[in-house]
Amino acid sequence: MCRLAVATLLAGHMVIAATPEARTGEALPETDVNLVTAFDVSDSIMRHEEWLELTGISQAIQSEDFLDAATAGRHGRIGFAVLVWSSAEQPDVFVPWTIIESKEDVQRVVDSLGAARKQYGFDARMGNGRGATAYRGDDGASAAPARRTDIATALGFSADLLRAAPFLAPREVINVCGNGADNVHASPAAARDRALAAGMVVNGLVIGARPGVADYYRAHVQGGTGSFVLQVRNPTDVAAAMLQKFLRDLNVKRDSPTTSLGSEQQT
């Protein structure tokens, strides 16, 4: 999705959010949970890992377990949005707010992710897109490190997206998925705390085995009732980890689907 379309979409949502009658009126659809998933696409994420993130979420939401969890609540549906983030300008919304209550809804999200992956993953990351970084090879280091790990901005943007949701939900969740600490701000904790003050829950999925990152997420990113951090050490297990994470986000308990998942912590 191009940035202009994203900006227009978010601006439209913000009009809804800014109108008290719209945010509290009965005309808005009600969901059981509004869920934002925010993927790290900074320079520390290699292109293959980026591909695994986006294909992993597609595989996870096509699971019957996911749809069962999404439709198990009082209203039988959830609000769902996906964005990608780094430090390059503002995050990009890959999946705008969508209600998921059927297999057809899931397929629309999968199609949106597929289209975004084709447009963004290879073209923009190779320097052909706005704000993109030039690379030396498929998994090489960045020649111009323009995409740093800006977790604070990702949290702030995700919280704004939740406030702008055109659905009313008693539970609002931000998923932050990444592989490193914020290297733009001293800490993302202030942005996290603002989301918590608004009643949101922030969960984390740490990708890779880099030491200390899961503990960093627990200290600076995670927060809210029932919050948790999962770590998936083998990137090929991202789909299984994402499914487990969604089930936890939706308050459905399930045993860990893979032994590569790291420890978790709840509050």
Protein backbone atom coordinates (compact mmCIF):
# COMPACT_ATOMS: atom_id res chain seq x y z
CA MET A 1 0.00 0.00 0.00
CA CYS A 2 1.49 3.35 -0.95
CA ARG A 3 2.18 5.89 1.77
CA LEU A 4 -0.34 8.37 0.34
CA ALA A 5 -3.11 5.80 0.55
CA VAL A 6 -2.02 4.87 4.07
CA ALA A 7 -1.96 8.49 5.17
CA THR A 8 -5.39 9.08 3.66
CA LEU A 9 -6.78 5.98 5.29
CA LEU A 10 -5.37 6.83 8.70
CA ALA A 11 -6.52 10.42 8.40
CA GLY A 12 -10.03 9.16 7.70
CA HIS A 13 -9.89 6.93 10.72
CA MET A 14 -8.64 9.79 12.86
CA VAL A 15 -11.74 11.78 11.90
CA ILE A 16 -13.81 8.91 13.25
CA ALA A 17 -11.71 8.79 16.40
CA ALA A 18 -11.98 12.54 16.91
CA THR A 19 -15.77 12.50 16.84
CA PRO A 20 -17.16 11.46 20.27
CA GLU A 21 -20.49 10.45 18.81
CA ALA A 22 -18.73 8.18 16.32
CA ARG A 23 -16.47 6.54 18.91
CA THR A 24 -19.26 5.93 21.42
CA GLY A 25 -22.36 5.70 19.23
CA GLU A 26 -24.17 2.45 18.58
CA ALA A 27 -23.69 2.82 14.82
CA LEU A 28 -20.11 1.54 15.05
CA PRO A 29 -19.65 -2.25 14.79
CA GLU A 30 -18.54 -3.96 17.99
CA THR A 31 -15.74 -6.50 18.16
CA ASP A 32 -14.35 -8.62 20.97
CA VAL A 33 -10.74 -7.50 20.46
CA ASN A 34 -9.01 -4.93 18.27
CA LEU A 35 -5.55 -6.23 17.42
CA VAL A 36 -2.61 -4.42 15.77
CA THR A 37 0.49 -6.39 14.72
CA ALA A 38 3.61 -4.29 14.11
CA PHE A 39 6.54 -5.94 12.28
CA ASP A 40 10.14 -4.74 12.44
CA VAL A 41 11.61 -4.14 8.96
CA SER A 42 14.69 -2.23 10.11
CA ASP A 43 18.17 -2.94 8.79
CA SER A 44 18.76 -5.62 11.43
CA ILE A 45 15.99 -7.68 9.81
CA MET A 46 17.37 -9.46 6.77
CA ARG A 47 15.19 -9.76 3.70
CA HIS A 48 14.67 -13.48 4.28
CA GLU A 49 13.54 -12.80 7.86
CA GLU A 50 11.22 -10.07 6.62
CA TRP A 51 9.71 -12.56 4.19
CA LEU A 52 9.31 -15.08 7.04
CA GLU A 53 7.50 -12.49 9.16
CA LEU A 54 4.92 -11.71 6.50
CA THR A 55 4.44 -15.27 5.29
CA GLY A 56 4.34 -16.46 8.91
CA ILE A 57 1.42 -14.22 9.81
CA SER A 58 -0.43 -15.32 6.68
CA GLN A 59 0.01 -18.97 7.61
CA ALA A 60 -0.98 -18.35 11.23
CA ILE A 61 -4.27 -16.63 10.50
CA GLN A 62 -5.28 -19.36 8.04
CA SER A 63 -5.26 -21.87 10.89
CA GLU A 64 -8.66 -23.12 12.03
CA ASP A 65 -7.46 -22.52 15.58
CA PHE A 66 -7.06 -18.83 14.83
CA LEU A 67 -10.50 -18.44 13.29
CA ASP A 68 -12.06 -20.40 16.16
CA ALA A 69 -10.41 -18.01 18.64
CA ALA A 70 -11.35 -14.92 16.62
CA THR A 71 -15.02 -15.92 16.59
CA ALA A 72 -15.29 -17.34 20.11
CA GLY A 73 -16.25 -14.12 21.89
CA ARG A 74 -19.56 -12.43 22.53
CA HIS A 75 -19.62 -10.66 19.16
CA GLY A 76 -17.97 -13.46 17.19
CA ARG A 77 -15.45 -11.19 15.48
CA ILE A 78 -12.27 -9.17 15.97
CA GLY A 79 -10.74 -6.05 14.45
CA PHE A 80 -7.40 -6.73 12.75
CA ALA A 81 -4.65 -4.49 11.35
CA VAL A 82 -1.00 -5.01 10.35
CA LEU A 83 1.81 -2.49 9.93
CA VAL A 84 5.56 -2.53 9.34
CA TRP A 85 8.00 -0.15 11.00
CA SER A 86 11.57 1.06 11.19
CA SER A 87 12.91 4.61 11.49
CA ALA A 88 12.22 5.51 7.85
CA GLU A 89 9.50 8.17 7.91
CA GLN A 90 6.32 6.70 9.39
CA PRO A 91 5.21 3.07 9.65
CA ASP A 92 3.33 1.59 6.70
CA VAL A 93 -0.10 0.01 7.19
CA PHE A 94 -0.16 -3.22 5.20
CA VAL A 95 -3.62 -4.33 6.37
CA PRO A 96 -6.01 -1.50 7.30
CA TRP A 97 -8.71 -2.16 9.87
CA THR A 98 -10.61 -5.29 8.89
CA ILE A 99 -13.24 -7.31 10.71
CA ILE A 100 -12.41 -11.02 10.87
CA GLU A 101 -15.41 -13.27 11.43
CA SER A 102 -15.20 -15.74 8.53
CA LYS A 103 -12.80 -17.61 6.26
CA GLU A 104 -13.55 -15.03 3.57
CA ASP A 105 -12.34 -12.25 5.88
CA VAL A 106 -9.14 -14.19 6.58
CA GLN A 107 -8.54 -14.65 2.86
CA ARG A 108 -8.92 -10.91 2.25
CA VAL A 109 -6.24 -10.25 4.86
CA VAL A 110 -3.97 -12.89 3.31
CA ASP A 111 -4.46 -11.30 -0.12
CA SER A 112 -3.62 -7.85 1.28
CA LEU A 113 -0.46 -9.21 2.89
CA GLY A 114 0.56 -10.93 -0.34
CA ALA A 115 0.09 -7.77 -2.39
CA ALA A 116 1.99 -5.68 0.15
CA ARG A 117 4.82 -8.20 0.32
CA LYS A 118 5.29 -8.10 -3.44
CA GLN A 119 5.25 -4.30 -3.55
CA TYR A 120 7.35 -3.64 -0.46
CA GLY A 121 9.56 -6.57 0.38
CA PHE A 122 11.85 -6.67 -2.61
CA ASP A 123 11.31 -3.45 -4.55
CA ALA A 124 11.44 -0.96 -1.68
CA ARG A 125 14.11 -2.77 0.29
CA MET A 126 16.45 -2.74 -2.72
CA GLY A 127 16.34 1.04 -2.93
CA ASN A 128 13.50 1.50 -5.42
CA GLY A 129 10.98 2.75 -2.89
CA ARG A 130 10.61 5.94 -0.88
CA GLY A 131 12.90 5.89 2.14
CA ALA A 132 14.34 2.53 1.17
CA THR A 133 17.84 1.33 1.93
CA ALA A 134 20.34 0.05 -0.65
CA TYR A 135 21.67 -3.42 0.13
CA ARG A 136 24.73 -5.40 -0.83
CA GLY A 137 23.18 -8.74 -1.72
CA ASP A 138 20.22 -10.63 -0.31
CA ASP A 139 21.40 -10.73 3.30
CA GLY A 140 24.21 -8.19 3.25
CA ALA A 141 24.70 -5.30 5.61
CA SER A 142 23.09 -2.02 4.72
CA ALA A 143 25.22 0.34 2.69
CA ALA A 144 23.21 3.30 4.02
CA PRO A 145 21.65 2.49 7.39
CA ALA A 146 18.46 4.54 7.02
CA ARG A 147 16.20 2.01 8.73
CA ARG A 148 16.99 1.89 12.42
CA THR A 149 15.00 0.16 15.17
CA ASP A 150 12.45 2.75 16.28
CA ILE A 151 10.20 0.82 18.66
CA ALA A 152 8.92 3.98 20.34
CA THR A 153 7.47 5.34 17.10
CA ALA A 154 6.02 1.92 16.25
CA LEU A 155 4.23 1.85 19.61
CA GLY A 156 2.94 5.40 19.24
CA PHE A 157 1.68 4.79 15.72
CA SER A 158 0.06 1.49 16.74
CA ALA A 159 -1.70 3.19 19.65
CA ASP A 160 -2.99 5.92 17.31
CA LEU A 161 -4.23 3.24 14.94
CA LEU A 162 -6.13 1.58 17.79
CA ARG A 163 -7.67 4.90 18.85
CA ALA A 164 -8.77 5.42 15.25
CA ALA A 165 -10.33 1.98 14.86
CA PRO A 166 -13.82 2.12 13.34
CA PHE A 167 -14.90 -0.68 15.70
CA LEU A 168 -15.64 -0.60 19.42
CA ALA A 169 -13.82 -3.25 21.47
CA PRO A 170 -13.43 -3.90 25.20
CA ARG A 171 -9.85 -5.12 24.63
CA GLU A 172 -7.16 -3.44 22.53
CA VAL A 173 -3.85 -5.20 21.87
CA ILE A 174 -0.59 -4.14 20.23
CA ASN A 175 1.80 -6.87 19.02
CA VAL A 176 5.37 -5.68 18.58
CA CYS A 177 7.55 -8.12 16.61
CA GLY A 178 11.28 -7.48 16.26
CA ASN A 179 14.83 -8.64 16.89
CA GLY A 180 16.57 -5.81 18.73
CA ALA A 181 16.44 -2.89 21.14
CA ASP A 182 15.36 0.63 20.19
CA ASN A 183 18.44 2.42 18.85
CA VAL A 184 16.69 5.71 18.05
CA HIS A 185 15.31 6.62 21.48
CA ALA A 186 16.73 6.03 24.96
CA SER A 187 13.81 3.67 25.61
CA PRO A 188 10.35 2.96 24.18
CA ALA A 189 8.96 2.67 27.72
CA ALA A 190 7.34 6.14 27.67
CA ALA A 191 5.44 5.30 24.47
CA ARG A 192 4.50 1.95 26.00
CA ASP A 193 3.23 3.65 29.16
CA ARG A 194 1.04 6.03 27.15
CA ALA A 195 -0.59 3.04 25.47
CA LEU A 196 -1.10 1.35 28.83
CA ALA A 197 -2.66 4.53 30.23
CA ALA A 198 -5.20 4.32 27.42
CA GLY A 199 -6.11 0.79 28.54
CA MET A 200 -4.21 -1.03 25.80
CA VAL A 201 -2.16 -4.21 26.21
CA VAL A 202 1.29 -4.53 24.61
CA ASN A 203 2.73 -7.97 23.85
CA GLY A 204 6.04 -8.86 22.22
CA LEU A 205 7.40 -11.46 19.83
CA VAL A 206 11.19 -11.52 19.69
CA ILE A 207 12.58 -13.12 16.54
CA GLY A 208 15.98 -14.76 16.73
CA ALA A 209 18.33 -15.81 19.51
CA ARG A 210 20.14 -12.52 20.13
CA PRO A 211 20.98 -12.43 23.87
CA GLY A 212 19.11 -10.00 26.08
CA VAL A 213 16.46 -8.93 23.58
CA ALA A 214 13.59 -10.82 25.22
CA ASP A 215 14.50 -9.32 28.60
CA TYR A 216 14.64 -5.88 26.97
CA TYR A 217 11.15 -6.37 25.57
CA ARG A 218 9.88 -7.42 28.98
CA ALA A 219 11.36 -4.33 30.61
CA HIS A 220 10.64 -1.69 27.95
CA VAL A 221 7.90 -2.96 25.61
CA GLN A 222 5.56 -5.42 27.33
CA GLY A 223 2.75 -4.15 29.54
CA GLY A 224 -0.89 -4.47 30.58
CA THR A 225 -3.06 -7.14 32.13
CA GLY A 226 -2.20 -10.59 30.80
CA SER A 227 0.70 -9.29 28.71
CA PHE A 228 3.57 -11.52 27.65
CA VAL A 229 6.71 -11.83 25.55
CA LEU A 230 7.52 -14.84 23.38
CA GLN A 231 10.84 -15.51 21.69
CA VAL A 232 11.19 -17.66 18.59
CA ARG A 233 14.85 -18.60 18.17
CA ASN A 234 14.49 -20.31 14.79
CA PRO A 235 13.08 -17.87 12.20
CA THR A 236 11.48 -20.75 10.30
CA ASP A 237 9.19 -21.27 13.30
CA VAL A 238 7.70 -17.77 13.06
CA ALA A 239 4.35 -19.05 11.76
CA ALA A 240 3.91 -21.44 14.71
CA ALA A 241 5.00 -18.74 17.15
CA MET A 242 2.64 -16.23 15.57
CA LEU A 243 -0.28 -18.62 15.92
CA GLN A 244 0.51 -19.23 19.57
CA LYS A 245 0.81 -15.49 20.08
CA PHE A 246 -2.55 -14.75 18.47
CA LEU A 247 -4.25 -17.38 20.60
CA ARG A 248 -2.74 -15.77 23.68
CA ASP A 249 -3.72 -12.30 22.45
CA LEU A 250 -7.28 -13.55 22.13
CA ASN A 251 -7.13 -15.14 25.60
CA VAL A 252 -7.07 -18.73 24.32
CA LYS A 253 -4.60 -20.98 26.13
CA ARG A 254 -2.64 -23.53 24.15
CA ASP A 255 0.56 -25.53 24.66
CA SER A 256 3.63 -24.24 22.87
CA PRO A 257 3.63 -25.60 19.27
CA THR A 258 7.42 -25.67 18.95
CA THR A 259 10.36 -26.26 21.25
CA SER A 260 12.21 -23.30 19.73
CA LEU A 261 9.95 -20.85 21.53
CA GLY A 262 11.68 -19.07 24.36
CA SER A 263 10.43 -18.18 27.81
CA GLU A 264 7.54 -15.83 28.43
CA GLN A 265 6.41 -13.56 31.20
CA GLN A 266 2.95 -12.37 32.14
CA THR A 267 1.77 -9.47 34.25
